[in-house]
């Protein structure tokens, strides 16, 4: 067994691991990561895995084994160029979607932006924008540290993954679930058509109806964050800690919800850690 000397190790480190080579590896890694983000969750991902499997097998056969296979070598040498030419055809929808993202208005980092967005908050905000445009009333309650089990029991249990389509269906005027509130526990829609306690505060604005009183009421007896869409005006309001914040900007709704829910989760973690101590 040949032993590598210290001078050879120093030579390899000085000539191979240079700043340009590290930058080269970083750029290739970012490109591959971007491609994986584009292909993730699509049927093309299975094709990419199969192509990667063929490349690994061919490398193992021709580079790592001492045996030589002329017929198999001819087959790979003939088929691999054809597969490379077929890549733009196979991945045409994914490549077009990636180019549309890069060429559209906004940041070039939009490929990675969805990783920083809570899917639950994203689904709720998209649904609220559409509900506001259609002037369909909605009442969505986000459970925090205070448990809302007694209110979940008054409604129809869902335990469903939130999506804009599901929320739009629930709050459609022609469904039996549109009356009452949807309670969100964690990242799931726990129940719909839940009965909320009404606020006893005097609301001077007559546009604040029963839905707003219910949202304000649950925020008075718990630390829940409540999202309210007015059926009359389409305006979006947020109730929290016994206060109601009206006329929220739909484009900033995800940021506001993320801020309020993160504060509540942070308090919950601190309280649980203090109890364990």
C-alpha atoms as a PDB file:
ATOM      1  CA  UNK A   1       0.000   0.000   0.000  1.00  0.00           C
ATOM      2  CA  UNK A   2       1.452   3.331  -1.087  1.00  0.00           C
ATOM      3  CA  UNK A   3       1.714   5.952   1.644  1.00  0.00           C
ATOM      4  CA  UNK A   4       1.136   9.579   0.690  1.00  0.00           C
ATOM      5  CA  UNK A   5       3.786  11.871   2.076  1.00  0.00           C
ATOM      6  CA  UNK A   6       3.166  15.198   3.751  1.00  0.00           C
ATOM      7  CA  UNK A   7       4.643  17.097   0.798  1.00  0.00           C
ATOM      8  CA  UNK A   8       2.162  15.472  -1.581  1.00  0.00           C
ATOM      9  CA  UNK A   9      -0.725  16.356   0.714  1.00  0.00           C
ATOM     10  CA  UNK A  10       0.477  19.961   0.854  1.00  0.00           C
ATOM     11  CA  UNK A  11       0.773  20.004  -2.953  1.00  0.00           C
ATOM     12  CA  UNK A  12      -2.782  18.744  -3.420  1.00  0.00           C
ATOM     13  CA  UNK A  13      -4.182  21.245  -0.912  1.00  0.00           C
ATOM     14  CA  UNK A  14      -2.343  24.173  -2.503  1.00  0.00           C
ATOM     15  CA  UNK A  15      -3.214  23.304  -6.106  1.00  0.00           C
ATOM     16  CA  UNK A  16      -6.660  21.754  -5.815  1.00  0.00           C
ATOM     17  CA  UNK A  17      -8.380  23.632  -2.964  1.00  0.00           C
ATOM     18  CA  UNK A  18      -7.883  27.162  -4.187  1.00  0.00           C
ATOM     19  CA  UNK A  19     -10.322  30.047  -3.912  1.00  0.00           C
ATOM     20  CA  UNK A  20     -11.420  29.647  -7.524  1.00  0.00           C
ATOM     21  CA  UNK A  21     -12.008  25.905  -7.129  1.00  0.00           C
ATOM     22  CA  UNK A  22     -14.070  26.443  -3.965  1.00  0.00           C
ATOM     23  CA  UNK A  23     -16.115  29.109  -5.756  1.00  0.00           C
ATOM     24  CA  UNK A  24     -16.566  26.738  -8.680  1.00  0.00           C
ATOM     25  CA  UNK A  25     -17.873  23.988  -6.383  1.00  0.00           C
ATOM     26  CA  UNK A  26     -20.201  26.459  -4.650  1.00  0.00           C
ATOM     27  CA  UNK A  27     -21.700  27.645  -7.949  1.00  0.00           C
ATOM     28  CA  UNK A  28     -22.265  24.093  -9.168  1.00  0.00           C
ATOM     29  CA  UNK A  29     -23.899  23.229  -5.829  1.00  0.00           C
ATOM     30  CA  UNK A  30     -26.241  26.219  -6.052  1.00  0.00           C
ATOM     31  CA  UNK A  31     -27.225  25.332  -9.614  1.00  0.00           C
ATOM     32  CA  UNK A  32     -27.945  21.715  -8.681  1.00  0.00           C
ATOM     33  CA  UNK A  33     -29.901  22.862  -5.615  1.00  0.00           C
ATOM     34  CA  UNK A  34     -31.979  25.184  -7.793  1.00  0.00           C
ATOM     35  CA  UNK A  35     -32.710  22.384 -10.237  1.00  0.00           C
ATOM     36  CA  UNK A  36     -33.784  20.120  -7.386  1.00  0.00           C
ATOM     37  CA  UNK A  37     -36.132  22.846  -6.123  1.00  0.00           C
ATOM     38  CA  UNK A  38     -37.697  23.147  -9.570  1.00  0.00           C
ATOM     39  CA  UNK A  39     -38.126  19.384  -9.998  1.00  0.00           C
ATOM     40  CA  UNK A  40     -39.254  18.642  -6.449  1.00  0.00           C
ATOM     41  CA  UNK A  41     -42.797  17.336  -6.240  1.00  0.00           C
ATOM     42  CA  UNK A  42     -43.126  16.720  -9.995  1.00  0.00           C
ATOM     43  CA  UNK A  43     -43.152  13.568 -12.076  1.00  0.00           C
ATOM     44  CA  UNK A  44     -39.934  14.736 -13.705  1.00  0.00           C
ATOM     45  CA  UNK A  45     -38.170  14.044 -10.408  1.00  0.00           C
ATOM     46  CA  UNK A  46     -38.553  10.310 -11.020  1.00  0.00           C
ATOM     47  CA  UNK A  47     -37.003  10.717 -14.476  1.00  0.00           C
ATOM     48  CA  UNK A  48     -34.099  12.642 -12.957  1.00  0.00           C
ATOM     49  CA  UNK A  49     -33.541   9.868 -10.419  1.00  0.00           C
ATOM     50  CA  UNK A  50     -33.521   7.269 -13.179  1.00  0.00           C
ATOM     51  CA  UNK A  51     -31.042   9.290 -15.220  1.00  0.00           C
ATOM     52  CA  UNK A  52     -28.805   9.748 -12.167  1.00  0.00           C
ATOM     53  CA  UNK A  53     -28.992   6.002 -11.508  1.00  0.00           C
ATOM     54  CA  UNK A  54     -27.824   5.262 -15.070  1.00  0.00           C
ATOM     55  CA  UNK A  55     -24.882   7.669 -14.718  1.00  0.00           C
ATOM     56  CA  UNK A  56     -23.804   6.123 -11.401  1.00  0.00           C
ATOM     57  CA  UNK A  57     -24.023   2.578 -12.772  1.00  0.00           C
ATOM     58  CA  UNK A  58     -22.054   3.475 -15.891  1.00  0.00           C
ATOM     59  CA  UNK A  59     -19.366   5.171 -13.810  1.00  0.00           C
ATOM     60  CA  UNK A  60     -19.170   2.138 -11.514  1.00  0.00           C
ATOM     61  CA  UNK A  61     -18.867  -0.281 -14.445  1.00  0.00           C
ATOM     62  CA  UNK A  62     -16.305   1.614 -16.520  1.00  0.00           C
ATOM     63  CA  UNK A  63     -14.227   3.372 -13.871  1.00  0.00           C
ATOM     64  CA  UNK A  64     -14.217   1.213 -10.750  1.00  0.00           C
ATOM     65  CA  UNK A  65     -14.241  -2.346 -12.047  1.00  0.00           C
ATOM     66  CA  UNK A  66     -11.162  -3.992 -13.661  1.00  0.00           C
ATOM     67  CA  UNK A  67     -13.390  -5.870 -16.130  1.00  0.00           C
ATOM     68  CA  UNK A  68     -14.122  -4.584 -19.606  1.00  0.00           C
ATOM     69  CA  UNK A  69     -17.466  -5.020 -21.374  1.00  0.00           C
ATOM     70  CA  UNK A  70     -17.184  -4.004 -25.058  1.00  0.00           C
ATOM     71  CA  UNK A  71     -20.863  -4.555 -25.918  1.00  0.00           C
ATOM     72  CA  UNK A  72     -22.100  -2.765 -22.802  1.00  0.00           C
ATOM     73  CA  UNK A  73     -19.598   0.022 -23.399  1.00  0.00           C
ATOM     74  CA  UNK A  74     -20.943   0.482 -26.932  1.00  0.00           C
ATOM     75  CA  UNK A  75     -24.532   0.565 -25.623  1.00  0.00           C
ATOM     76  CA  UNK A  76     -23.776   3.282 -23.057  1.00  0.00           C
ATOM     77  CA  UNK A  77     -21.669   5.322 -25.454  1.00  0.00           C
ATOM     78  CA  UNK A  78     -24.509   5.237 -27.971  1.00  0.00           C
ATOM     79  CA  UNK A  79     -27.446   5.884 -25.636  1.00  0.00           C
ATOM     80  CA  UNK A  80     -26.023   8.545 -23.275  1.00  0.00           C
ATOM     81  CA  UNK A  81     -25.679  11.278 -25.950  1.00  0.00           C
ATOM     82  CA  UNK A  82     -29.258  10.612 -27.006  1.00  0.00           C
ATOM     83  CA  UNK A  83     -30.396  10.929 -23.378  1.00  0.00           C
ATOM     84  CA  UNK A  84     -28.544  14.235 -23.032  1.00  0.00           C
ATOM     85  CA  UNK A  85     -30.328  15.568 -26.114  1.00  0.00           C
ATOM     86  CA  UNK A  86     -33.658  14.338 -24.727  1.00  0.00           C
ATOM     87  CA  UNK A  87     -33.281  16.251 -21.435  1.00  0.00           C
ATOM     88  CA  UNK A  88     -34.731  19.552 -22.769  1.00  0.00           C
ATOM     89  CA  UNK A  89     -37.718  17.650 -24.156  1.00  0.00           C
ATOM     90  CA  UNK A  90     -38.331  15.592 -21.006  1.00  0.00           C
ATOM     91  CA  UNK A  91     -37.980  18.511 -18.601  1.00  0.00           C
ATOM     92  CA  UNK A  92     -39.587  21.118 -20.873  1.00  0.00           C
ATOM     93  CA  UNK A  93     -42.431  22.131 -18.451  1.00  0.00           C
ATOM     94  CA  UNK A  94     -40.057  22.417 -15.482  1.00  0.00           C
ATOM     95  CA  UNK A  95     -37.453  24.380 -17.443  1.00  0.00           C
ATOM     96  CA  UNK A  96     -40.113  26.746 -18.756  1.00  0.00           C
ATOM     97  CA  UNK A  97     -41.453  27.316 -15.244  1.00  0.00           C
ATOM     98  CA  UNK A  98     -37.944  28.056 -13.954  1.00  0.00           C
ATOM     99  CA  UNK A  99     -37.280  30.543 -16.751  1.00  0.00           C
ATOM    100  CA  UNK A 100     -40.634  32.231 -16.092  1.00  0.00           C
ATOM    101  CA  UNK A 101     -39.702  32.656 -12.435  1.00  0.00           C
ATOM    102  CA  UNK A 102     -36.306  34.087 -13.285  1.00  0.00           C
ATOM    103  CA  UNK A 103     -37.709  36.439 -15.926  1.00  0.00           C
ATOM    104  CA  UNK A 104     -40.771  37.564 -13.974  1.00  0.00           C
ATOM    105  CA  UNK A 105     -41.047  40.653 -11.823  1.00  0.00           C
ATOM    106  CA  UNK A 106     -39.417  40.232  -8.434  1.00  0.00           C
ATOM    107  CA  UNK A 107     -36.277  38.786  -7.025  1.00  0.00           C
ATOM    108  CA  UNK A 108     -34.170  36.175  -8.766  1.00  0.00           C
ATOM    109  CA  UNK A 109     -34.187  34.318  -5.495  1.00  0.00           C
ATOM    110  CA  UNK A 110     -37.863  33.443  -5.887  1.00  0.00           C
ATOM    111  CA  UNK A 111     -36.885  29.788  -6.412  1.00  0.00           C
ATOM    112  CA  UNK A 112     -35.883  29.630  -2.755  1.00  0.00           C
ATOM    113  CA  UNK A 113     -38.520  32.023  -1.421  1.00  0.00           C
ATOM    114  CA  UNK A 114     -41.214  29.430  -0.842  1.00  0.00           C
ATOM    115  CA  UNK A 115     -38.967  27.598   1.598  1.00  0.00           C
ATOM    116  CA  UNK A 116     -39.184  30.586   3.969  1.00  0.00           C
ATOM    117  CA  UNK A 117     -42.982  30.810   3.880  1.00  0.00           C
ATOM    118  CA  UNK A 118     -45.140  28.797   6.267  1.00  0.00           C
ATOM    119  CA  UNK A 119     -47.429  26.669   4.036  1.00  0.00           C
ATOM    120  CA  UNK A 120     -50.291  27.047   6.506  1.00  0.00           C
ATOM    121  CA  UNK A 121     -50.026  30.852   6.588  1.00  0.00           C
ATOM    122  CA  UNK A 122     -49.619  30.946   2.820  1.00  0.00           C
ATOM    123  CA  UNK A 123     -52.791  28.914   2.297  1.00  0.00           C
ATOM    124  CA  UNK A 124     -54.777  31.088   4.714  1.00  0.00           C
ATOM    125  CA  UNK A 125     -53.619  34.386   3.203  1.00  0.00           C
ATOM    126  CA  UNK A 126     -54.361  33.260  -0.361  1.00  0.00           C
ATOM    127  CA  UNK A 127     -57.841  32.138   0.697  1.00  0.00           C
ATOM    128  CA  UNK A 128     -58.507  35.404   2.559  1.00  0.00           C
ATOM    129  CA  UNK A 129     -57.556  37.490  -0.466  1.00  0.00           C
ATOM    130  CA  UNK A 130     -60.035  35.597  -2.629  1.00  0.00           C
ATOM    131  CA  UNK A 131     -62.722  35.690   0.057  1.00  0.00           C
ATOM    132  CA  UNK A 132     -62.211  39.438   0.393  1.00  0.00           C
ATOM    133  CA  UNK A 133     -62.579  39.933  -3.355  1.00  0.00           C
ATOM    134  CA  UNK A 134     -65.761  37.828  -3.431  1.00  0.00           C
ATOM    135  CA  UNK A 135     -67.067  39.382  -0.179  1.00  0.00           C
ATOM    136  CA  UNK A 136     -67.529  36.032   1.494  1.00  0.00           C
ATOM    137  CA  UNK A 137     -67.334  36.262   5.265  1.00  0.00           C
ATOM    138  CA  UNK A 138     -64.765  34.198   7.139  1.00  0.00           C
ATOM    139  CA  UNK A 139     -63.625  33.660  10.715  1.00  0.00           C
ATOM    140  CA  UNK A 140     -60.343  31.813  11.260  1.00  0.00           C
ATOM    141  CA  UNK A 141     -58.978  31.278  14.778  1.00  0.00           C
ATOM    142  CA  UNK A 142     -55.334  30.318  15.366  1.00  0.00           C
ATOM    143  CA  UNK A 143     -54.860  28.453  18.629  1.00  0.00           C
ATOM    144  CA  UNK A 144     -51.860  29.569  20.682  1.00  0.00           C
ATOM    145  CA  UNK A 145     -50.948  28.698  24.266  1.00  0.00           C
ATOM    146  CA  UNK A 146     -54.539  28.643  25.513  1.00  0.00           C
ATOM    147  CA  UNK A 147     -56.256  25.446  24.394  1.00  0.00           C
ATOM    148  CA  UNK A 148     -59.486  25.739  22.408  1.00  0.00           C
ATOM    149  CA  UNK A 149     -60.726  22.166  22.741  1.00  0.00           C
ATOM    150  CA  UNK A 150     -64.110  23.194  24.177  1.00  0.00           C
ATOM    151  CA  UNK A 151     -64.741  25.302  21.073  1.00  0.00           C
ATOM    152  CA  UNK A 152     -63.467  22.599  18.695  1.00  0.00           C
ATOM    153  CA  UNK A 153     -66.084  20.245  20.163  1.00  0.00           C
ATOM    154  CA  UNK A 154     -68.875  22.617  19.114  1.00  0.00           C
ATOM    155  CA  UNK A 155     -68.010  22.306  15.420  1.00  0.00           C
ATOM    156  CA  UNK A 156     -67.322  19.679  12.771  1.00  0.00           C
ATOM    157  CA  UNK A 157     -63.962  17.972  13.208  1.00  0.00           C
ATOM    158  CA  UNK A 158     -61.713  18.180  10.125  1.00  0.00           C
ATOM    159  CA  UNK A 159     -58.053  17.579  11.066  1.00  0.00           C
ATOM    160  CA  UNK A 160     -57.216  18.553   7.494  1.00  0.00           C
ATOM    161  CA  UNK A 161     -54.165  20.075   5.850  1.00  0.00           C
ATOM    162  CA  UNK A 162     -55.024  23.710   5.028  1.00  0.00           C
ATOM    163  CA  UNK A 163     -55.336  24.745   1.410  1.00  0.00           C
ATOM    164  CA  UNK A 164     -56.935  27.768  -0.286  1.00  0.00           C
ATOM    165  CA  UNK A 165     -59.459  25.553  -2.067  1.00  0.00           C
ATOM    166  CA  UNK A 166     -60.573  23.898   1.187  1.00  0.00           C
ATOM    167  CA  UNK A 167     -61.025  27.227   2.977  1.00  0.00           C
ATOM    168  CA  UNK A 168     -62.911  28.704   0.030  1.00  0.00           C
ATOM    169  CA  UNK A 169     -65.236  25.702   0.050  1.00  0.00           C
ATOM    170  CA  UNK A 170     -65.838  25.929   3.796  1.00  0.00           C
ATOM    171  CA  UNK A 171     -66.723  29.637   3.724  1.00  0.00           C
ATOM    172  CA  UNK A 172     -68.829  29.417   0.588  1.00  0.00           C
ATOM    173  CA  UNK A 173     -72.313  30.780   1.288  1.00  0.00           C
ATOM    174  CA  UNK A 174     -73.947  27.656  -0.141  1.00  0.00           C
ATOM    175  CA  UNK A 175     -72.259  25.208   2.241  1.00  0.00           C
ATOM    176  CA  UNK A 176     -73.430  24.218   5.693  1.00  0.00           C
ATOM    177  CA  UNK A 177     -69.998  24.908   7.240  1.00  0.00           C
ATOM    178  CA  UNK A 178     -69.698  28.605   6.404  1.00  0.00           C
ATOM    179  CA  UNK A 179     -71.367  29.727   9.647  1.00  0.00           C
ATOM    180  CA  UNK A 180     -69.052  29.763  12.631  1.00  0.00           C
ATOM    181  CA  UNK A 181     -65.272  29.708  12.860  1.00  0.00           C
ATOM    182  CA  UNK A 182     -62.476  27.515  11.588  1.00  0.00           C
ATOM    183  CA  UNK A 183     -59.979  26.671  14.326  1.00  0.00           C
ATOM    184  CA  UNK A 184     -56.358  26.097  13.336  1.00  0.00           C
ATOM    185  CA  UNK A 185     -54.276  23.937  15.675  1.00  0.00           C
ATOM    186  CA  UNK A 186     -50.621  23.813  14.708  1.00  0.00           C
ATOM    187  CA  UNK A 187     -50.544  23.255  10.949  1.00  0.00           C
ATOM    188  CA  UNK A 188     -53.965  21.618  10.659  1.00  0.00           C
ATOM    189  CA  UNK A 189     -57.540  22.819  10.345  1.00  0.00           C
ATOM    190  CA  UNK A 190     -58.935  21.206  13.471  1.00  0.00           C
ATOM    191  CA  UNK A 191     -62.620  21.982  12.987  1.00  0.00           C
ATOM    192  CA  UNK A 192     -65.092  24.235  11.212  1.00  0.00           C
ATOM    193  CA  UNK A 193     -68.491  25.730  12.073  1.00  0.00           C
ATOM    194  CA  UNK A 194     -67.284  26.278  15.634  1.00  0.00           C
ATOM    195  CA  UNK A 195     -69.277  28.501  17.997  1.00  0.00           C
ATOM    196  CA  UNK A 196     -67.292  31.392  19.479  1.00  0.00           C
ATOM    197  CA  UNK A 197     -68.170  33.510  22.519  1.00  0.00           C
ATOM    198  CA  UNK A 198     -69.466  36.976  21.658  1.00  0.00           C
ATOM    199  CA  UNK A 199     -67.683  40.039  22.924  1.00  0.00           C
ATOM    200  CA  UNK A 200     -69.421  42.200  25.507  1.00  0.00           C
ATOM    201  CA  UNK A 201     -67.523  45.320  24.410  1.00  0.00           C
ATOM    202  CA  UNK A 202     -69.395  48.176  22.827  1.00  0.00           C
ATOM    203  CA  UNK A 203     -68.491  48.350  19.142  1.00  0.00           C
ATOM    204  CA  UNK A 204     -69.356  51.778  17.815  1.00  0.00           C
ATOM    205  CA  UNK A 205     -69.010  50.875  14.145  1.00  0.00           C
ATOM    206  CA  UNK A 206     -72.182  49.279  12.818  1.00  0.00           C
ATOM    207  CA  UNK A 207     -70.206  47.525  10.084  1.00  0.00           C
ATOM    208  CA  UNK A 208     -68.721  45.284  12.772  1.00  0.00           C
ATOM    209  CA  UNK A 209     -71.336  42.583  12.958  1.00  0.00           C
ATOM    210  CA  UNK A 210     -71.723  39.224  14.640  1.00  0.00           C
ATOM    211  CA  UNK A 211     -68.624  37.750  13.008  1.00  0.00           C
ATOM    212  CA  UNK A 212     -66.431  40.559  14.374  1.00  0.00           C
ATOM    213  CA  UNK A 213     -67.995  40.223  17.835  1.00  0.00           C
ATOM    214  CA  UNK A 214     -67.242  36.517  17.816  1.00  0.00           C
ATOM    215  CA  UNK A 215     -63.640  37.084  16.734  1.00  0.00           C
ATOM    216  CA  UNK A 216     -63.132  39.769  19.357  1.00  0.00           C
ATOM    217  CA  UNK A 217     -64.820  37.585  21.981  1.00  0.00           C
ATOM    218  CA  UNK A 218     -62.473  34.616  21.552  1.00  0.00           C
ATOM    219  CA  UNK A 219     -59.489  36.985  21.633  1.00  0.00           C
ATOM    220  CA  UNK A 220     -60.731  38.325  24.992  1.00  0.00           C
ATOM    221  CA  UNK A 221     -60.881  34.910  26.684  1.00  0.00           C
ATOM    222  CA  UNK A 222     -57.729  33.435  25.085  1.00  0.00           C
ATOM    223  CA  UNK A 223     -54.460  34.389  23.430  1.00  0.00           C
ATOM    224  CA  UNK A 224     -55.714  33.239  20.022  1.00  0.00           C
ATOM    225  CA  UNK A 225     -55.026  35.209  16.855  1.00  0.00           C
ATOM    226  CA  UNK A 226     -58.250  35.692  14.897  1.00  0.00           C
ATOM    227  CA  UNK A 227     -58.598  36.540  11.214  1.00  0.00           C
ATOM    228  CA  UNK A 228     -61.904  38.095  10.133  1.00  0.00           C
ATOM    229  CA  UNK A 229     -63.164  38.782   6.611  1.00  0.00           C
ATOM    230  CA  UNK A 230     -66.195  41.052   6.439  1.00  0.00           C
ATOM    231  CA  UNK A 231     -69.076  39.809   4.324  1.00  0.00           C
ATOM    232  CA  UNK A 232     -70.436  43.332   3.748  1.00  0.00           C
ATOM    233  CA  UNK A 233     -67.258  45.234   2.856  1.00  0.00           C
ATOM    234  CA  UNK A 234     -64.690  42.514   2.157  1.00  0.00           C
ATOM    235  CA  UNK A 235     -62.268  44.186   4.567  1.00  0.00           C
ATOM    236  CA  UNK A 236     -59.857  41.990   6.528  1.00  0.00           C
ATOM    237  CA  UNK A 237     -59.413  42.463  10.275  1.00  0.00           C
ATOM    238  CA  UNK A 238     -57.279  40.800  12.952  1.00  0.00           C
ATOM    239  CA  UNK A 239     -58.351  40.373  16.575  1.00  0.00           C
ATOM    240  CA  UNK A 240     -55.775  39.694  19.284  1.00  0.00           C
ATOM    241  CA  UNK A 241     -55.596  40.310  23.044  1.00  0.00           C
ATOM    242  CA  UNK A 242     -59.038  41.868  23.130  1.00  0.00           C
ATOM    243  CA  UNK A 243     -58.293  44.368  20.368  1.00  0.00           C
ATOM    244  CA  UNK A 244     -59.385  44.418  16.756  1.00  0.00           C
ATOM    245  CA  UNK A 245     -57.149  45.766  13.989  1.00  0.00           C
ATOM    246  CA  UNK A 246     -59.244  46.714  11.000  1.00  0.00           C
ATOM    247  CA  UNK A 247     -58.578  47.217   7.280  1.00  0.00           C
ATOM    248  CA  UNK A 248     -55.481  45.055   7.014  1.00  0.00           C
ATOM    249  CA  UNK A 249     -53.515  45.147   3.774  1.00  0.00           C
ATOM    250  CA  UNK A 250     -54.027  41.771   2.024  1.00  0.00           C
ATOM    251  CA  UNK A 251     -50.510  41.950   0.559  1.00  0.00           C
ATOM    252  CA  UNK A 252     -48.968  42.262   4.051  1.00  0.00           C
ATOM    253  CA  UNK A 253     -51.268  39.757   5.721  1.00  0.00           C
ATOM    254  CA  UNK A 254     -48.799  36.856   5.677  1.00  0.00           C
ATOM    255  CA  UNK A 255     -46.106  38.935   7.384  1.00  0.00           C
ATOM    256  CA  UNK A 256     -48.491  40.152  10.089  1.00  0.00           C
ATOM    257  CA  UNK A 257     -49.764  36.653  10.819  1.00  0.00           C
ATOM    258  CA  UNK A 258     -46.255  35.229  10.857  1.00  0.00           C
ATOM    259  CA  UNK A 259     -45.158  37.885  13.346  1.00  0.00           C
ATOM    260  CA  UNK A 260     -48.124  37.357  15.696  1.00  0.00           C
ATOM    261  CA  UNK A 261     -47.954  33.559  15.576  1.00  0.00           C
ATOM    262  CA  UNK A 262     -44.192  33.474  16.112  1.00  0.00           C
ATOM    263  CA  UNK A 263     -44.586  35.646  19.204  1.00  0.00           C
ATOM    264  CA  UNK A 264     -47.196  33.275  20.562  1.00  0.00           C
ATOM    265  CA  UNK A 265     -45.084  30.204  19.840  1.00  0.00           C
ATOM    266  CA  UNK A 266     -42.069  31.857  21.448  1.00  0.00           C
ATOM    267  CA  UNK A 267     -44.055  32.505  24.633  1.00  0.00           C
ATOM    268  CA  UNK A 268     -45.284  28.918  24.610  1.00  0.00           C
ATOM    269  CA  UNK A 269     -41.748  27.551  24.329  1.00  0.00           C
ATOM    270  CA  UNK A 270     -40.516  29.775  27.167  1.00  0.00           C
ATOM    271  CA  UNK A 271     -43.394  28.769  29.443  1.00  0.00           C
ATOM    272  CA  UNK A 272     -42.871  25.068  28.731  1.00  0.00           C
ATOM    273  CA  UNK A 273     -39.131  25.339  29.417  1.00  0.00           C
ATOM    274  CA  UNK A 274     -39.738  27.188  32.694  1.00  0.00           C
ATOM    275  CA  UNK A 275     -42.219  24.510  33.810  1.00  0.00           C
ATOM    276  CA  UNK A 276     -39.703  21.746  33.039  1.00  0.00           C
ATOM    277  CA  UNK A 277     -37.080  23.499  35.165  1.00  0.00           C
END
